N, C-alpha and C. Protein backbone atom coordinates (compact mmCIF):
# COMPACT_ATOMS: atom_id res chain seq x y z
N MET A 1 -52.21 -47.45 307.07
CA MET A 1 -51.15 -48.09 306.32
C MET A 1 -51.48 -49.55 306.04
N LYS A 2 -52.01 -50.22 307.09
CA LYS A 2 -52.36 -51.63 306.95
C LYS A 2 -53.41 -51.80 305.86
N TYR A 3 -54.37 -50.90 305.79
CA TYR A 3 -55.43 -50.98 304.78
C TYR A 3 -54.89 -50.72 303.38
N LEU A 4 -53.93 -49.83 303.29
CA LEU A 4 -53.30 -49.53 302.00
C LEU A 4 -52.57 -50.75 301.46
N ILE A 5 -51.82 -51.42 302.31
CA ILE A 5 -51.09 -52.62 301.90
C ILE A 5 -52.08 -53.72 301.47
N THR A 6 -53.14 -53.89 302.23
CA THR A 6 -54.16 -54.88 301.88
C THR A 6 -54.80 -54.54 300.54
N ALA A 7 -55.14 -53.29 300.34
CA ALA A 7 -55.77 -52.86 299.08
C ALA A 7 -54.82 -53.07 297.90
N LEU A 8 -53.56 -52.72 298.08
CA LEU A 8 -52.58 -52.93 297.00
C LEU A 8 -52.39 -54.41 296.71
N SER A 9 -52.35 -55.22 297.72
CA SER A 9 -52.20 -56.67 297.53
C SER A 9 -53.38 -57.24 296.76
N LEU A 10 -54.58 -56.83 297.14
CA LEU A 10 -55.78 -57.32 296.44
C LEU A 10 -55.80 -56.86 294.99
N THR A 11 -55.38 -55.64 294.74
CA THR A 11 -55.32 -55.12 293.36
C THR A 11 -54.34 -55.94 292.54
N LEU A 12 -53.18 -56.22 293.10
CA LEU A 12 -52.17 -57.02 292.40
C LEU A 12 -52.68 -58.42 292.12
N ILE A 13 -53.29 -59.05 293.09
CA ILE A 13 -53.83 -60.40 292.91
C ILE A 13 -54.92 -60.41 291.85
N THR A 14 -55.81 -59.46 291.89
CA THR A 14 -56.90 -59.38 290.93
C THR A 14 -56.38 -59.15 289.53
N SER A 15 -55.41 -58.26 289.37
CA SER A 15 -54.90 -57.98 288.02
C SER A 15 -54.14 -59.18 287.48
N CYS A 16 -53.44 -59.90 288.30
CA CYS A 16 -52.74 -61.10 287.85
C CYS A 16 -53.72 -62.21 287.48
N ALA A 17 -54.78 -62.32 288.23
CA ALA A 17 -55.75 -63.39 287.98
C ALA A 17 -56.49 -63.19 286.66
N SER A 18 -56.61 -61.96 286.21
CA SER A 18 -57.36 -61.72 284.98
C SER A 18 -56.49 -61.84 283.73
N LYS A 19 -55.19 -62.00 283.88
CA LYS A 19 -54.29 -62.12 282.73
C LYS A 19 -53.75 -63.53 282.65
N PRO A 20 -53.52 -64.01 281.41
CA PRO A 20 -52.84 -65.31 281.29
C PRO A 20 -51.45 -65.19 281.91
N LEU A 21 -51.03 -66.21 282.61
CA LEU A 21 -49.75 -66.14 283.28
C LEU A 21 -48.58 -66.49 282.37
N HIS A 22 -48.83 -67.09 281.21
CA HIS A 22 -47.72 -67.37 280.31
C HIS A 22 -47.69 -66.33 279.20
N LYS A 23 -46.54 -65.74 279.00
CA LYS A 23 -46.41 -64.61 278.07
C LYS A 23 -46.71 -64.97 276.62
N ASN A 24 -46.67 -66.23 276.22
CA ASN A 24 -46.90 -66.59 274.83
C ASN A 24 -48.36 -66.86 274.48
N ILE A 25 -49.24 -66.85 275.46
CA ILE A 25 -50.65 -67.14 275.16
C ILE A 25 -51.25 -66.05 274.29
N THR A 26 -51.01 -64.79 274.62
CA THR A 26 -51.57 -63.70 273.82
C THR A 26 -51.01 -63.70 272.40
N PRO A 27 -49.68 -63.80 272.20
CA PRO A 27 -49.18 -63.87 270.83
C PRO A 27 -49.70 -65.10 270.08
N TYR A 28 -49.84 -66.22 270.80
CA TYR A 28 -50.37 -67.43 270.16
C TYR A 28 -51.77 -67.16 269.62
N LYS A 29 -52.60 -66.55 270.45
CA LYS A 29 -53.97 -66.24 270.04
C LYS A 29 -53.98 -65.28 268.85
N GLU A 30 -53.11 -64.29 268.87
CA GLU A 30 -53.05 -63.32 267.77
C GLU A 30 -52.65 -63.99 266.46
N VAL A 31 -51.66 -64.86 266.49
CA VAL A 31 -51.22 -65.55 265.28
C VAL A 31 -52.31 -66.50 264.79
N ALA A 32 -52.97 -67.18 265.71
CA ALA A 32 -54.06 -68.09 265.33
C ALA A 32 -55.20 -67.33 264.66
N GLU A 33 -55.55 -66.19 265.22
CA GLU A 33 -56.62 -65.38 264.63
C GLU A 33 -56.21 -64.84 263.26
N ARG A 34 -54.95 -64.46 263.13
CA ARG A 34 -54.43 -63.99 261.83
C ARG A 34 -54.48 -65.11 260.80
N LEU A 35 -54.12 -66.31 261.22
CA LEU A 35 -54.14 -67.45 260.30
C LEU A 35 -55.55 -67.70 259.78
N VAL A 36 -56.53 -67.68 260.67
CA VAL A 36 -57.93 -67.89 260.26
C VAL A 36 -58.36 -66.79 259.29
N LYS A 37 -58.04 -65.55 259.64
CA LYS A 37 -58.42 -64.41 258.79
C LYS A 37 -57.77 -64.55 257.40
N ASN A 38 -56.47 -64.84 257.38
CA ASN A 38 -55.76 -64.99 256.11
C ASN A 38 -56.33 -66.14 255.28
N ASN A 39 -56.66 -67.23 255.95
CA ASN A 39 -57.23 -68.37 255.24
C ASN A 39 -58.58 -68.00 254.62
N LYS A 40 -59.40 -67.31 255.38
CA LYS A 40 -60.71 -66.88 254.87
C LYS A 40 -60.57 -65.90 253.70
N ASN A 41 -59.47 -65.15 253.70
CA ASN A 41 -59.22 -64.19 252.63
C ASN A 41 -58.48 -64.81 251.43
N GLY A 42 -58.25 -66.12 251.48
CA GLY A 42 -57.65 -66.82 250.35
C GLY A 42 -56.14 -66.66 250.21
N VAL A 43 -55.47 -66.28 251.28
CA VAL A 43 -54.01 -66.14 251.24
C VAL A 43 -53.39 -67.49 250.88
N GLY A 44 -52.26 -67.45 250.21
CA GLY A 44 -51.60 -68.67 249.74
C GLY A 44 -51.13 -69.60 250.83
N PRO A 45 -50.90 -70.85 250.47
CA PRO A 45 -50.53 -71.87 251.45
C PRO A 45 -49.21 -71.61 252.17
N GLU A 46 -48.25 -70.96 251.51
CA GLU A 46 -46.96 -70.70 252.16
C GLU A 46 -47.12 -69.79 253.37
N SER A 47 -47.98 -68.78 253.23
CA SER A 47 -48.23 -67.86 254.34
C SER A 47 -48.93 -68.58 255.49
N LEU A 48 -49.89 -69.42 255.16
CA LEU A 48 -50.61 -70.18 256.19
C LEU A 48 -49.66 -71.14 256.89
N LYS A 49 -48.81 -71.78 256.11
CA LYS A 49 -47.82 -72.71 256.66
C LYS A 49 -46.88 -71.97 257.62
N LYS A 50 -46.44 -70.79 257.23
CA LYS A 50 -45.54 -69.99 258.08
C LYS A 50 -46.22 -69.66 259.42
N ASP A 51 -47.48 -69.24 259.36
CA ASP A 51 -48.21 -68.94 260.60
C ASP A 51 -48.38 -70.19 261.47
N ALA A 52 -48.66 -71.32 260.84
CA ALA A 52 -48.85 -72.57 261.59
C ALA A 52 -47.55 -72.99 262.28
N ILE A 53 -46.44 -72.84 261.59
CA ILE A 53 -45.15 -73.17 262.19
C ILE A 53 -44.86 -72.22 263.35
N GLU A 54 -45.21 -70.96 263.20
CA GLU A 54 -45.03 -70.00 264.30
C GLU A 54 -45.88 -70.41 265.50
N LEU A 55 -47.09 -70.89 265.25
CA LEU A 55 -47.94 -71.36 266.36
C LEU A 55 -47.29 -72.52 267.10
N VAL A 56 -46.71 -73.45 266.36
CA VAL A 56 -46.04 -74.60 267.00
C VAL A 56 -44.91 -74.09 267.89
N GLU A 57 -44.13 -73.15 267.40
CA GLU A 57 -43.01 -72.63 268.19
C GLU A 57 -43.49 -71.86 269.42
N LEU A 58 -44.56 -71.10 269.28
CA LEU A 58 -45.12 -70.38 270.42
C LEU A 58 -45.71 -71.34 271.45
N ALA A 59 -46.21 -72.48 270.99
CA ALA A 59 -46.84 -73.45 271.88
C ALA A 59 -45.85 -74.16 272.78
N LYS A 60 -44.64 -74.36 272.31
CA LYS A 60 -43.67 -75.14 273.08
C LYS A 60 -43.44 -74.61 274.50
N PRO A 61 -43.13 -73.33 274.68
CA PRO A 61 -42.95 -72.85 276.06
C PRO A 61 -44.25 -72.84 276.86
N ILE A 62 -45.39 -72.70 276.18
CA ILE A 62 -46.67 -72.76 276.89
C ILE A 62 -46.86 -74.16 277.47
N LEU A 63 -46.59 -75.18 276.66
CA LEU A 63 -46.75 -76.56 277.13
C LEU A 63 -45.75 -76.90 278.23
N MET A 64 -44.54 -76.37 278.11
CA MET A 64 -43.54 -76.65 279.15
C MET A 64 -43.95 -75.99 280.47
N ALA A 65 -44.47 -74.77 280.40
CA ALA A 65 -44.94 -74.10 281.62
C ALA A 65 -46.14 -74.85 282.21
N TYR A 66 -47.02 -75.32 281.35
CA TYR A 66 -48.19 -76.08 281.81
C TYR A 66 -47.73 -77.37 282.51
N SER A 67 -46.74 -78.05 281.93
CA SER A 67 -46.29 -79.30 282.54
C SER A 67 -45.58 -79.07 283.87
N GLU A 68 -44.97 -77.89 284.05
CA GLU A 68 -44.37 -77.56 285.34
C GLU A 68 -45.46 -77.40 286.41
N LYS A 69 -46.58 -76.81 286.02
CA LYS A 69 -47.70 -76.63 286.96
C LYS A 69 -48.47 -77.94 287.14
N ASN A 70 -48.38 -78.84 286.16
CA ASN A 70 -49.11 -80.12 286.17
C ASN A 70 -48.14 -81.25 285.87
N PRO A 71 -47.31 -81.63 286.85
CA PRO A 71 -46.26 -82.63 286.61
C PRO A 71 -46.76 -83.96 286.03
N LYS A 72 -48.02 -84.30 286.28
CA LYS A 72 -48.56 -85.55 285.74
C LYS A 72 -48.63 -85.50 284.21
N CYS A 73 -48.50 -84.31 283.62
CA CYS A 73 -48.58 -84.13 282.16
C CYS A 73 -47.20 -84.06 281.50
N LYS A 74 -46.16 -84.03 282.29
CA LYS A 74 -44.81 -83.77 281.78
C LYS A 74 -44.38 -84.76 280.70
N VAL A 75 -44.56 -86.06 280.91
CA VAL A 75 -44.12 -87.06 279.93
C VAL A 75 -44.85 -86.86 278.60
N LEU A 76 -46.14 -86.73 278.66
CA LEU A 76 -46.93 -86.56 277.44
C LEU A 76 -46.56 -85.26 276.70
N LEU A 77 -46.50 -84.16 277.41
CA LEU A 77 -46.24 -82.88 276.76
C LEU A 77 -44.81 -82.77 276.26
N ASN A 78 -43.86 -83.36 276.97
CA ASN A 78 -42.48 -83.42 276.45
C ASN A 78 -42.44 -84.22 275.16
N HIS A 79 -43.21 -85.31 275.10
CA HIS A 79 -43.29 -86.14 273.89
C HIS A 79 -43.84 -85.31 272.73
N ILE A 80 -44.91 -84.57 272.97
CA ILE A 80 -45.53 -83.74 271.93
C ILE A 80 -44.54 -82.70 271.42
N VAL A 81 -43.86 -82.03 272.32
CA VAL A 81 -42.88 -81.01 271.92
C VAL A 81 -41.76 -81.65 271.11
N SER A 82 -41.26 -82.80 271.56
CA SER A 82 -40.14 -83.44 270.86
C SER A 82 -40.55 -83.98 269.49
N LYS A 83 -41.82 -84.25 269.28
CA LYS A 83 -42.31 -84.79 268.00
C LYS A 83 -42.92 -83.71 267.10
N SER A 84 -42.80 -82.45 267.46
CA SER A 84 -43.49 -81.40 266.71
C SER A 84 -43.02 -81.31 265.25
N SER A 85 -41.73 -81.44 264.99
CA SER A 85 -41.24 -81.41 263.61
C SER A 85 -41.70 -82.65 262.85
N TYR A 86 -41.62 -83.78 263.51
CA TYR A 86 -42.07 -85.04 262.91
C TYR A 86 -43.53 -84.95 262.48
N MET A 87 -44.37 -84.38 263.35
CA MET A 87 -45.81 -84.26 263.07
C MET A 87 -46.06 -83.50 261.78
N GLN A 88 -45.25 -82.53 261.48
CA GLN A 88 -45.46 -81.69 260.31
C GLN A 88 -45.08 -82.38 259.01
N ASN A 89 -44.51 -83.56 259.12
CA ASN A 89 -44.01 -84.26 257.93
C ASN A 89 -44.61 -85.65 257.76
N ILE A 90 -45.76 -85.87 258.36
CA ILE A 90 -46.45 -87.15 258.17
C ILE A 90 -47.77 -86.89 257.44
N SER A 91 -48.49 -87.94 257.16
CA SER A 91 -49.76 -87.79 256.44
C SER A 91 -50.86 -87.30 257.39
N LEU A 92 -51.93 -86.81 256.78
CA LEU A 92 -53.07 -86.37 257.58
C LEU A 92 -53.65 -87.52 258.40
N SER A 93 -53.74 -88.69 257.80
CA SER A 93 -54.31 -89.83 258.53
C SER A 93 -53.41 -90.24 259.69
N GLU A 94 -52.09 -90.13 259.51
CA GLU A 94 -51.16 -90.47 260.59
C GLU A 94 -51.25 -89.50 261.76
N ILE A 95 -51.28 -88.21 261.45
CA ILE A 95 -51.34 -87.23 262.54
C ILE A 95 -52.67 -87.37 263.28
N GLU A 96 -53.72 -87.65 262.55
CA GLU A 96 -55.04 -87.84 263.18
C GLU A 96 -55.01 -89.04 264.13
N ASP A 97 -54.48 -90.15 263.66
CA ASP A 97 -54.46 -91.37 264.45
C ASP A 97 -53.49 -91.30 265.63
N LYS A 98 -52.23 -90.94 265.34
CA LYS A 98 -51.19 -90.99 266.37
C LYS A 98 -51.27 -89.86 267.39
N PHE A 99 -51.61 -88.67 266.92
CA PHE A 99 -51.51 -87.52 267.81
C PHE A 99 -52.85 -86.92 268.22
N HIS A 100 -53.76 -86.78 267.28
CA HIS A 100 -55.06 -86.20 267.66
C HIS A 100 -55.88 -87.23 268.44
N ASP A 101 -55.99 -88.44 267.89
CA ASP A 101 -56.73 -89.49 268.59
C ASP A 101 -55.91 -90.09 269.73
N GLY A 102 -54.60 -89.90 269.70
CA GLY A 102 -53.74 -90.32 270.81
C GLY A 102 -53.23 -91.74 270.75
N ASN A 103 -53.37 -92.43 269.61
CA ASN A 103 -52.93 -93.82 269.53
C ASN A 103 -51.41 -93.99 269.53
N GLY A 104 -50.66 -92.92 269.35
CA GLY A 104 -49.20 -93.00 269.39
C GLY A 104 -48.61 -92.23 270.55
N LEU A 105 -49.44 -91.96 271.55
CA LEU A 105 -48.98 -91.14 272.67
C LEU A 105 -48.78 -91.95 273.94
N PRO A 106 -47.88 -91.49 274.80
CA PRO A 106 -47.74 -92.13 276.11
C PRO A 106 -49.03 -91.95 276.91
N LYS A 107 -49.31 -92.89 277.77
CA LYS A 107 -50.49 -92.79 278.63
C LYS A 107 -50.29 -91.64 279.61
N ALA A 108 -51.37 -90.93 279.85
CA ALA A 108 -51.32 -89.81 280.78
C ALA A 108 -52.71 -89.59 281.36
N ASP A 109 -52.77 -88.75 282.37
CA ASP A 109 -54.04 -88.36 282.94
C ASP A 109 -54.90 -87.71 281.86
N GLU A 110 -56.19 -87.91 281.94
CA GLU A 110 -57.10 -87.38 280.92
C GLU A 110 -56.97 -85.87 280.74
N THR A 111 -56.66 -85.15 281.80
CA THR A 111 -56.55 -83.70 281.73
C THR A 111 -55.33 -83.23 280.93
N CYS A 112 -54.44 -84.14 280.60
CA CYS A 112 -53.20 -83.78 279.91
C CYS A 112 -53.34 -83.76 278.39
N TYR A 113 -54.42 -84.30 277.87
CA TYR A 113 -54.53 -84.44 276.42
C TYR A 113 -54.97 -83.17 275.71
N GLU A 114 -55.74 -82.32 276.36
CA GLU A 114 -56.20 -81.11 275.70
C GLU A 114 -55.06 -80.14 275.38
N PRO A 115 -54.08 -79.93 276.26
CA PRO A 115 -53.00 -78.99 275.93
C PRO A 115 -52.20 -79.37 274.67
N LYS A 116 -52.10 -80.65 274.38
CA LYS A 116 -51.32 -81.09 273.22
C LYS A 116 -51.85 -80.51 271.92
N GLU A 117 -53.12 -80.13 271.92
CA GLU A 117 -53.75 -79.63 270.70
C GLU A 117 -53.11 -78.33 270.20
N LEU A 118 -52.43 -77.59 271.07
CA LEU A 118 -51.77 -76.36 270.64
C LEU A 118 -50.65 -76.62 269.64
N ILE A 119 -50.16 -77.85 269.61
CA ILE A 119 -49.16 -78.23 268.61
C ILE A 119 -49.77 -79.12 267.53
N VAL A 120 -50.66 -80.02 267.91
CA VAL A 120 -51.23 -80.96 266.95
C VAL A 120 -52.02 -80.25 265.85
N HIS A 121 -52.88 -79.33 266.20
CA HIS A 121 -53.72 -78.66 265.19
C HIS A 121 -52.89 -77.80 264.23
N PRO A 122 -51.98 -76.96 264.71
CA PRO A 122 -51.16 -76.22 263.75
C PRO A 122 -50.29 -77.14 262.88
N SER A 123 -49.83 -78.24 263.44
CA SER A 123 -49.05 -79.20 262.63
C SER A 123 -49.91 -79.78 261.52
N THR A 124 -51.18 -80.00 261.81
CA THR A 124 -52.11 -80.46 260.79
C THR A 124 -52.26 -79.41 259.69
N VAL A 125 -52.28 -78.14 260.08
CA VAL A 125 -52.36 -77.05 259.09
C VAL A 125 -51.11 -77.04 258.21
N VAL A 126 -49.95 -77.29 258.81
CA VAL A 126 -48.71 -77.35 258.02
C VAL A 126 -48.86 -78.43 256.95
N ILE A 127 -49.34 -79.60 257.33
CA ILE A 127 -49.52 -80.70 256.37
C ILE A 127 -50.49 -80.28 255.28
N LEU A 128 -51.62 -79.71 255.66
CA LEU A 128 -52.62 -79.28 254.67
C LEU A 128 -52.05 -78.22 253.73
N SER A 129 -51.19 -77.37 254.23
CA SER A 129 -50.64 -76.26 253.45
C SER A 129 -49.58 -76.71 252.44
N LYS A 130 -49.20 -77.95 252.49
CA LYS A 130 -48.20 -78.46 251.55
C LYS A 130 -48.83 -78.85 250.21
N SER A 131 -50.14 -78.86 250.16
CA SER A 131 -50.86 -79.21 248.94
C SER A 131 -51.64 -78.00 248.45
N LYS A 132 -52.11 -78.09 247.21
CA LYS A 132 -52.97 -77.03 246.68
C LYS A 132 -54.23 -76.99 247.53
N LEU A 133 -54.61 -75.80 247.96
CA LEU A 133 -55.76 -75.67 248.84
C LEU A 133 -57.05 -75.56 248.04
N ASN A 134 -58.05 -76.29 248.47
CA ASN A 134 -59.38 -76.20 247.88
C ASN A 134 -60.36 -75.81 248.99
N LYS A 135 -61.62 -75.77 248.66
CA LYS A 135 -62.64 -75.34 249.63
C LYS A 135 -62.62 -76.23 250.88
N GLU A 136 -62.52 -77.54 250.69
CA GLU A 136 -62.55 -78.47 251.83
C GLU A 136 -61.32 -78.31 252.71
N SER A 137 -60.14 -78.19 252.09
CA SER A 137 -58.93 -78.05 252.91
C SER A 137 -58.91 -76.71 253.65
N ARG A 138 -59.43 -75.67 253.03
CA ARG A 138 -59.51 -74.37 253.72
C ARG A 138 -60.50 -74.45 254.89
N GLU A 139 -61.59 -75.16 254.70
CA GLU A 139 -62.54 -75.35 255.82
C GLU A 139 -61.88 -76.13 256.94
N GLN A 140 -61.10 -77.15 256.59
CA GLN A 140 -60.43 -77.93 257.63
C GLN A 140 -59.41 -77.07 258.37
N ILE A 141 -58.69 -76.22 257.64
CA ILE A 141 -57.73 -75.31 258.30
C ILE A 141 -58.45 -74.42 259.30
N ASN A 142 -59.57 -73.84 258.89
CA ASN A 142 -60.34 -73.01 259.82
C ASN A 142 -60.78 -73.80 261.03
N ASP A 143 -61.28 -75.02 260.80
CA ASP A 143 -61.72 -75.86 261.91
C ASP A 143 -60.58 -76.17 262.86
N GLU A 144 -59.41 -76.49 262.32
CA GLU A 144 -58.25 -76.83 263.15
C GLU A 144 -57.88 -75.65 264.06
N ILE A 145 -57.83 -74.46 263.50
CA ILE A 145 -57.38 -73.30 264.27
C ILE A 145 -58.48 -72.78 265.19
N GLU A 146 -59.73 -72.85 264.75
CA GLU A 146 -60.84 -72.47 265.65
C GLU A 146 -60.85 -73.38 266.88
N GLU A 147 -60.55 -74.65 266.68
CA GLU A 147 -60.50 -75.58 267.82
C GLU A 147 -59.35 -75.21 268.76
N VAL A 148 -58.21 -74.85 268.19
CA VAL A 148 -57.07 -74.41 269.00
C VAL A 148 -57.45 -73.19 269.84
N LEU A 149 -58.12 -72.25 269.24
CA LEU A 149 -58.54 -71.06 269.97
C LEU A 149 -59.46 -71.42 271.14
N ALA A 150 -60.29 -72.42 270.95
CA ALA A 150 -61.18 -72.88 272.02
C ALA A 150 -60.39 -73.53 273.16
N HIS A 151 -59.24 -74.12 272.84
CA HIS A 151 -58.42 -74.78 273.86
C HIS A 151 -57.63 -73.79 274.72
N LEU A 152 -57.51 -72.55 274.30
CA LEU A 152 -56.69 -71.59 275.05
C LEU A 152 -57.24 -71.29 276.43
N ASP A 153 -58.52 -71.46 276.63
CA ASP A 153 -59.12 -71.19 277.94
C ASP A 153 -58.47 -71.99 279.06
N ILE A 154 -58.08 -73.22 278.78
CA ILE A 154 -57.49 -74.03 279.85
C ILE A 154 -56.18 -73.43 280.37
N PHE A 155 -55.50 -72.69 279.53
CA PHE A 155 -54.23 -72.10 279.96
C PHE A 155 -54.43 -70.86 280.80
N THR A 156 -55.49 -70.12 280.54
CA THR A 156 -55.74 -68.96 281.38
C THR A 156 -56.31 -69.39 282.72
N GLU A 157 -56.97 -70.53 282.76
CA GLU A 157 -57.53 -71.05 284.02
C GLU A 157 -56.50 -71.81 284.82
N ALA A 158 -55.66 -72.60 284.15
CA ALA A 158 -54.74 -73.51 284.85
C ALA A 158 -53.39 -72.89 285.18
N MET A 159 -53.06 -71.80 284.57
CA MET A 159 -51.73 -71.25 284.77
C MET A 159 -51.89 -69.95 285.50
């Protein structure tokens, strides 16, 4: 009996460790991949904008869960979540300076800046999608979302 309980416990621990602990990480990844695919297929800007806004909304609970596990990040990530609508309505140069480069952000531990990208990059896509898309803007959209996909690893490791 003792061995059975130990085996079951190890199975449970192993299965939990291999899955992201926040339920929105998988849907976030799926929407991000769909956005890249749609962009590569030349889908219109309204559809891309809709997917980017969905990514921002999916990111909010992910960032809040991350800040609960990493309290030193709470001020910064709360700021990012509270400014998510604002970010979608500023210029590309402003979002780059204030949010991507961090010149408009509260000071935080260095490890806290990568999670913010789950909102910053899709917000940049929203801005790009408000104009007629050309080859360069479509490449930038792909770059923004490919970078977001690369950032997802920290959530599966840290949460």
